[in-house]
C-alpha atoms as a PDB file:
ATOM      1  CA  UNK A   1      53.017  -5.800  27.857  1.00  0.00           C
ATOM      2  CA  UNK A   2      54.807  -6.837  24.715  1.00  0.00           C
ATOM      3  CA  UNK A   3      51.496  -7.970  23.174  1.00  0.00           C
ATOM      4  CA  UNK A   4      49.914  -4.521  23.608  1.00  0.00           C
ATOM      5  CA  UNK A   5      52.877  -2.844  21.896  1.00  0.00           C
ATOM      6  CA  UNK A   6      52.560  -5.136  18.899  1.00  0.00           C
ATOM      7  CA  UNK A   7      48.806  -4.588  18.847  1.00  0.00           C
ATOM      8  CA  UNK A   8      49.225  -0.779  18.934  1.00  0.00           C
ATOM      9  CA  UNK A   9      51.835  -1.005  16.174  1.00  0.00           C
ATOM     10  CA  UNK A  10      49.433  -2.978  13.950  1.00  0.00           C
ATOM     11  CA  UNK A  11      46.602  -0.543  14.683  1.00  0.00           C
ATOM     12  CA  UNK A  12      48.827   2.424  13.811  1.00  0.00           C
ATOM     13  CA  UNK A  13      49.891   0.790  10.533  1.00  0.00           C
ATOM     14  CA  UNK A  14      46.253   0.086   9.664  1.00  0.00           C
ATOM     15  CA  UNK A  15      45.237   3.686  10.354  1.00  0.00           C
ATOM     16  CA  UNK A  16      48.108   5.027   8.219  1.00  0.00           C
ATOM     17  CA  UNK A  17      47.155   2.696   5.367  1.00  0.00           C
ATOM     18  CA  UNK A  18      43.497   3.716   5.590  1.00  0.00           C
ATOM     19  CA  UNK A  19      44.517   7.400   5.415  1.00  0.00           C
ATOM     20  CA  UNK A  20      47.058   7.013   2.596  1.00  0.00           C
ATOM     21  CA  UNK A  21      44.973   4.822   0.253  1.00  0.00           C
ATOM     22  CA  UNK A  22      42.386   7.513  -0.690  1.00  0.00           C
ATOM     23  CA  UNK A  23      45.164  10.074  -1.234  1.00  0.00           C
ATOM     24  CA  UNK A  24      46.879   7.743  -3.715  1.00  0.00           C
ATOM     25  CA  UNK A  25      43.645   7.543  -5.697  1.00  0.00           C
ATOM     26  CA  UNK A  26      43.591  11.344  -6.030  1.00  0.00           C
ATOM     27  CA  UNK A  27      47.209  11.627  -7.144  1.00  0.00           C
ATOM     28  CA  UNK A  28      48.035  11.706 -10.848  1.00  0.00           C
ATOM     29  CA  UNK A  29      51.439  10.309 -11.786  1.00  0.00           C
ATOM     30  CA  UNK A  30      52.403  11.522 -15.285  1.00  0.00           C
ATOM     31  CA  UNK A  31      53.639   8.828 -17.663  1.00  0.00           C
ATOM     32  CA  UNK A  32      56.107  11.073 -19.469  1.00  0.00           C
ATOM     33  CA  UNK A  33      57.594  14.518 -19.188  1.00  0.00           C
ATOM     34  CA  UNK A  34      58.594  16.031 -15.859  1.00  0.00           C
ATOM     35  CA  UNK A  35      58.472  13.716 -12.881  1.00  0.00           C
ATOM     36  CA  UNK A  36      56.275  14.794  -9.986  1.00  0.00           C
ATOM     37  CA  UNK A  37      52.797  14.477  -8.637  1.00  0.00           C
ATOM     38  CA  UNK A  38      49.749  16.587  -9.389  1.00  0.00           C
ATOM     39  CA  UNK A  39      46.335  16.419  -7.712  1.00  0.00           C
ATOM     40  CA  UNK A  40      44.439  17.558 -10.840  1.00  0.00           C
ATOM     41  CA  UNK A  41      44.542  15.822 -14.204  1.00  0.00           C
ATOM     42  CA  UNK A  42      45.129  17.721 -17.423  1.00  0.00           C
ATOM     43  CA  UNK A  43      42.167  18.388 -19.704  1.00  0.00           C
ATOM     44  CA  UNK A  44      42.192  16.164 -22.773  1.00  0.00           C
ATOM     45  CA  UNK A  45      39.340  17.622 -24.848  1.00  0.00           C
ATOM     46  CA  UNK A  46      40.047  18.492 -28.456  1.00  0.00           C
ATOM     47  CA  UNK A  47      38.006  21.479 -29.646  1.00  0.00           C
ATOM     48  CA  UNK A  48      36.232  20.585 -32.866  1.00  0.00           C
ATOM     49  CA  UNK A  49      35.682  16.912 -32.047  1.00  0.00           C
ATOM     50  CA  UNK A  50      31.993  15.941 -32.460  1.00  0.00           C
ATOM     51  CA  UNK A  51      31.151  15.572 -28.753  1.00  0.00           C
ATOM     52  CA  UNK A  52      32.891  18.691 -27.399  1.00  0.00           C
ATOM     53  CA  UNK A  53      30.667  21.626 -26.378  1.00  0.00           C
ATOM     54  CA  UNK A  54      32.160  24.130 -28.825  1.00  0.00           C
ATOM     55  CA  UNK A  55      32.180  22.014 -31.990  1.00  0.00           C
ATOM     56  CA  UNK A  56      29.758  22.635 -34.834  1.00  0.00           C
ATOM     57  CA  UNK A  57      28.696  18.987 -34.752  1.00  0.00           C
ATOM     58  CA  UNK A  58      27.955  19.216 -31.011  1.00  0.00           C
ATOM     59  CA  UNK A  59      25.935  22.415 -31.456  1.00  0.00           C
ATOM     60  CA  UNK A  60      23.973  20.900 -34.344  1.00  0.00           C
ATOM     61  CA  UNK A  61      23.318  17.713 -32.376  1.00  0.00           C
ATOM     62  CA  UNK A  62      22.025  19.608 -29.319  1.00  0.00           C
ATOM     63  CA  UNK A  63      19.884  21.949 -31.446  1.00  0.00           C
ATOM     64  CA  UNK A  64      18.304  19.023 -33.296  1.00  0.00           C
ATOM     65  CA  UNK A  65      17.658  17.261 -29.997  1.00  0.00           C
ATOM     66  CA  UNK A  66      15.950  20.368 -28.559  1.00  0.00           C
ATOM     67  CA  UNK A  67      13.764  20.892 -31.653  1.00  0.00           C
ATOM     68  CA  UNK A  68      12.675  17.242 -31.752  1.00  0.00           C
ATOM     69  CA  UNK A  69      11.936  17.234 -28.007  1.00  0.00           C
ATOM     70  CA  UNK A  70       9.844  20.433 -28.194  1.00  0.00           C
ATOM     71  CA  UNK A  71       7.875  19.217 -31.225  1.00  0.00           C
ATOM     72  CA  UNK A  72       7.221  15.828 -29.615  1.00  0.00           C
ATOM     73  CA  UNK A  73       6.027  17.491 -26.407  1.00  0.00           C
ATOM     74  CA  UNK A  74       3.717  19.835 -28.306  1.00  0.00           C
ATOM     75  CA  UNK A  75       2.277  16.989 -30.376  1.00  0.00           C
ATOM     76  CA  UNK A  76       1.652  14.774 -27.348  1.00  0.00           C
ATOM     77  CA  UNK A  77      -0.022  17.588 -25.364  1.00  0.00           C
ATOM     78  CA  UNK A  78      -2.280  18.409 -28.340  1.00  0.00           C
ATOM     79  CA  UNK A  79      -3.220  14.735 -28.672  1.00  0.00           C
ATOM     80  CA  UNK A  80      -3.953  14.510 -24.935  1.00  0.00           C
ATOM     81  CA  UNK A  81      -6.180  17.604 -25.070  1.00  0.00           C
ATOM     82  CA  UNK A  82      -8.067  16.193 -28.065  1.00  0.00           C
ATOM     83  CA  UNK A  83      -8.555  12.844 -26.310  1.00  0.00           C
ATOM     84  CA  UNK A  84      -9.831  14.590 -23.166  1.00  0.00           C
ATOM     85  CA  UNK A  85     -12.357  16.587 -25.235  1.00  0.00           C
ATOM     86  CA  UNK A  86     -13.558  13.417 -26.946  1.00  0.00           C
ATOM     87  CA  UNK A  87     -13.957  11.616 -23.601  1.00  0.00           C
ATOM     88  CA  UNK A  88     -15.939  14.539 -22.173  1.00  0.00           C
ATOM     89  CA  UNK A  89     -18.235  14.608 -25.226  1.00  0.00           C
ATOM     90  CA  UNK A  90     -18.823  10.845 -25.035  1.00  0.00           C
ATOM     91  CA  UNK A  91     -19.589  11.049 -21.301  1.00  0.00           C
ATOM     92  CA  UNK A  92     -22.101  13.852 -21.891  1.00  0.00           C
ATOM     93  CA  UNK A  93     -23.786  11.898 -24.675  1.00  0.00           C
ATOM     94  CA  UNK A  94     -24.039   8.803 -22.483  1.00  0.00           C
ATOM     95  CA  UNK A  95     -25.491  10.796 -19.572  1.00  0.00           C
ATOM     96  CA  UNK A  96     -28.047  12.446 -21.861  1.00  0.00           C
ATOM     97  CA  UNK A  97     -29.029   9.095 -23.379  1.00  0.00           C
ATOM     98  CA  UNK A  98     -29.423   7.537 -19.904  1.00  0.00           C
ATOM     99  CA  UNK A  99     -31.614  10.415 -18.732  1.00  0.00           C
ATOM    100  CA  UNK A 100     -33.780  10.174 -21.858  1.00  0.00           C
ATOM    101  CA  UNK A 101     -34.177   6.420 -21.415  1.00  0.00           C
ATOM    102  CA  UNK A 102     -35.031   6.837 -17.738  1.00  0.00           C
ATOM    103  CA  UNK A 103     -37.584   9.546 -18.533  1.00  0.00           C
ATOM    104  CA  UNK A 104     -39.171   7.525 -21.363  1.00  0.00           C
ATOM    105  CA  UNK A 105     -39.461   4.263 -19.428  1.00  0.00           C
ATOM    106  CA  UNK A 106     -42.269   3.874 -16.917  1.00  0.00           C
ATOM    107  CA  UNK A 107     -41.053   3.899 -13.303  1.00  0.00           C
ATOM    108  CA  UNK A 108     -40.697   0.528 -11.570  1.00  0.00           C
ATOM    109  CA  UNK A 109     -43.341  -0.486  -9.046  1.00  0.00           C
ATOM    110  CA  UNK A 110     -42.969   0.881  -5.502  1.00  0.00           C
ATOM    111  CA  UNK A 111     -41.206  -1.678  -3.326  1.00  0.00           C
ATOM    112  CA  UNK A 112     -39.042  -3.039  -6.136  1.00  0.00           C
ATOM    113  CA  UNK A 113     -35.507  -3.753  -4.885  1.00  0.00           C
ATOM    114  CA  UNK A 114     -32.407  -3.369  -7.082  1.00  0.00           C
ATOM    115  CA  UNK A 115     -28.735  -4.012  -6.272  1.00  0.00           C
ATOM    116  CA  UNK A 116     -27.461  -0.979  -8.200  1.00  0.00           C
ATOM    117  CA  UNK A 117     -28.890   2.368  -9.204  1.00  0.00           C
ATOM    118  CA  UNK A 118     -29.554   3.034 -12.904  1.00  0.00           C
ATOM    119  CA  UNK A 119     -27.209   5.411 -14.703  1.00  0.00           C
ATOM    120  CA  UNK A 120     -27.870   9.140 -14.434  1.00  0.00           C
ATOM    121  CA  UNK A 121     -29.370   9.190 -10.909  1.00  0.00           C
ATOM    122  CA  UNK A 122     -29.275  12.409  -8.887  1.00  0.00           C
ATOM    123  CA  UNK A 123     -28.969  12.542  -5.110  1.00  0.00           C
ATOM    124  CA  UNK A 124     -31.798  14.456  -3.383  1.00  0.00           C
ATOM    125  CA  UNK A 125     -31.686  14.693   0.421  1.00  0.00           C
ATOM    126  CA  UNK A 126     -35.024  15.233   2.168  1.00  0.00           C
ATOM    127  CA  UNK A 127     -34.548  15.957   5.876  1.00  0.00           C
ATOM    128  CA  UNK A 128     -32.327  13.205   7.294  1.00  0.00           C
ATOM    129  CA  UNK A 129     -33.124  10.767   4.477  1.00  0.00           C
ATOM    130  CA  UNK A 130     -31.085  10.452   1.289  1.00  0.00           C
ATOM    131  CA  UNK A 131     -33.161   9.745  -1.849  1.00  0.00           C
ATOM    132  CA  UNK A 132     -31.941   9.116  -5.389  1.00  0.00           C
ATOM    133  CA  UNK A 133     -34.020  10.360  -8.335  1.00  0.00           C
ATOM    134  CA  UNK A 134     -33.583   8.319 -11.494  1.00  0.00           C
ATOM    135  CA  UNK A 135     -35.922   9.691 -14.147  1.00  0.00           C
ATOM    136  CA  UNK A 136     -39.429   9.463 -12.641  1.00  0.00           C
ATOM    137  CA  UNK A 137     -38.497   6.920  -9.939  1.00  0.00           C
ATOM    138  CA  UNK A 138     -37.170   7.569  -6.446  1.00  0.00           C
ATOM    139  CA  UNK A 139     -34.871   5.127  -4.634  1.00  0.00           C
ATOM    140  CA  UNK A 140     -33.789   4.849  -1.002  1.00  0.00           C
ATOM    141  CA  UNK A 141     -30.755   2.903   0.203  1.00  0.00           C
ATOM    142  CA  UNK A 142     -31.441  -0.096   2.463  1.00  0.00           C
ATOM    143  CA  UNK A 143     -29.744  -3.251   3.690  1.00  0.00           C
ATOM    144  CA  UNK A 144     -30.843  -6.757   2.827  1.00  0.00           C
ATOM    145  CA  UNK A 145     -28.764  -8.883   5.167  1.00  0.00           C
ATOM    146  CA  UNK A 146     -25.212  -7.603   4.660  1.00  0.00           C
ATOM    147  CA  UNK A 147     -25.891  -6.288   1.140  1.00  0.00           C
ATOM    148  CA  UNK A 148     -26.638  -2.680   0.227  1.00  0.00           C
ATOM    149  CA  UNK A 149     -29.718  -2.464  -2.029  1.00  0.00           C
ATOM    150  CA  UNK A 150     -31.963   0.310  -3.296  1.00  0.00           C
ATOM    151  CA  UNK A 151     -35.753   0.176  -2.884  1.00  0.00           C
ATOM    152  CA  UNK A 152     -38.191   2.090  -5.074  1.00  0.00           C
ATOM    153  CA  UNK A 153     -40.259   4.480  -2.913  1.00  0.00           C
ATOM    154  CA  UNK A 154     -43.008   7.014  -3.491  1.00  0.00           C
ATOM    155  CA  UNK A 155     -41.968  10.577  -4.331  1.00  0.00           C
ATOM    156  CA  UNK A 156     -40.930  12.218  -1.032  1.00  0.00           C
END
């Protein structure tokens, strides 16, 4: 019976300590002036100091930061748009060159098997069969063992 009383006493002390500790962190004990406790600290900003919101230096710093950020964003978006246009033009030139090469070259013999389709091929379904037209040649997908290959076939 005595042991439970001591145990309850320790538990009560622990609970009081756990409740009081956070409150002490919120309290502000002034170092000078009138004794007493306050729950809110006094503001210590000096208007006119360089990092305060109202100072001329702070306004100039923020304005410069905004101008530099806007100009950098505009320059990077213009560069990205230019790069995208260049990539599109290069891709179109490559596709045109591949089509011209495919059209100029004689078609491979029927039955020829390749592991990859030439550049610039167009998919042309015919019924349930999928054909690929590459210039003047037509290819059909097939398996050779476990490998996907393309065989040259007659025009469907």
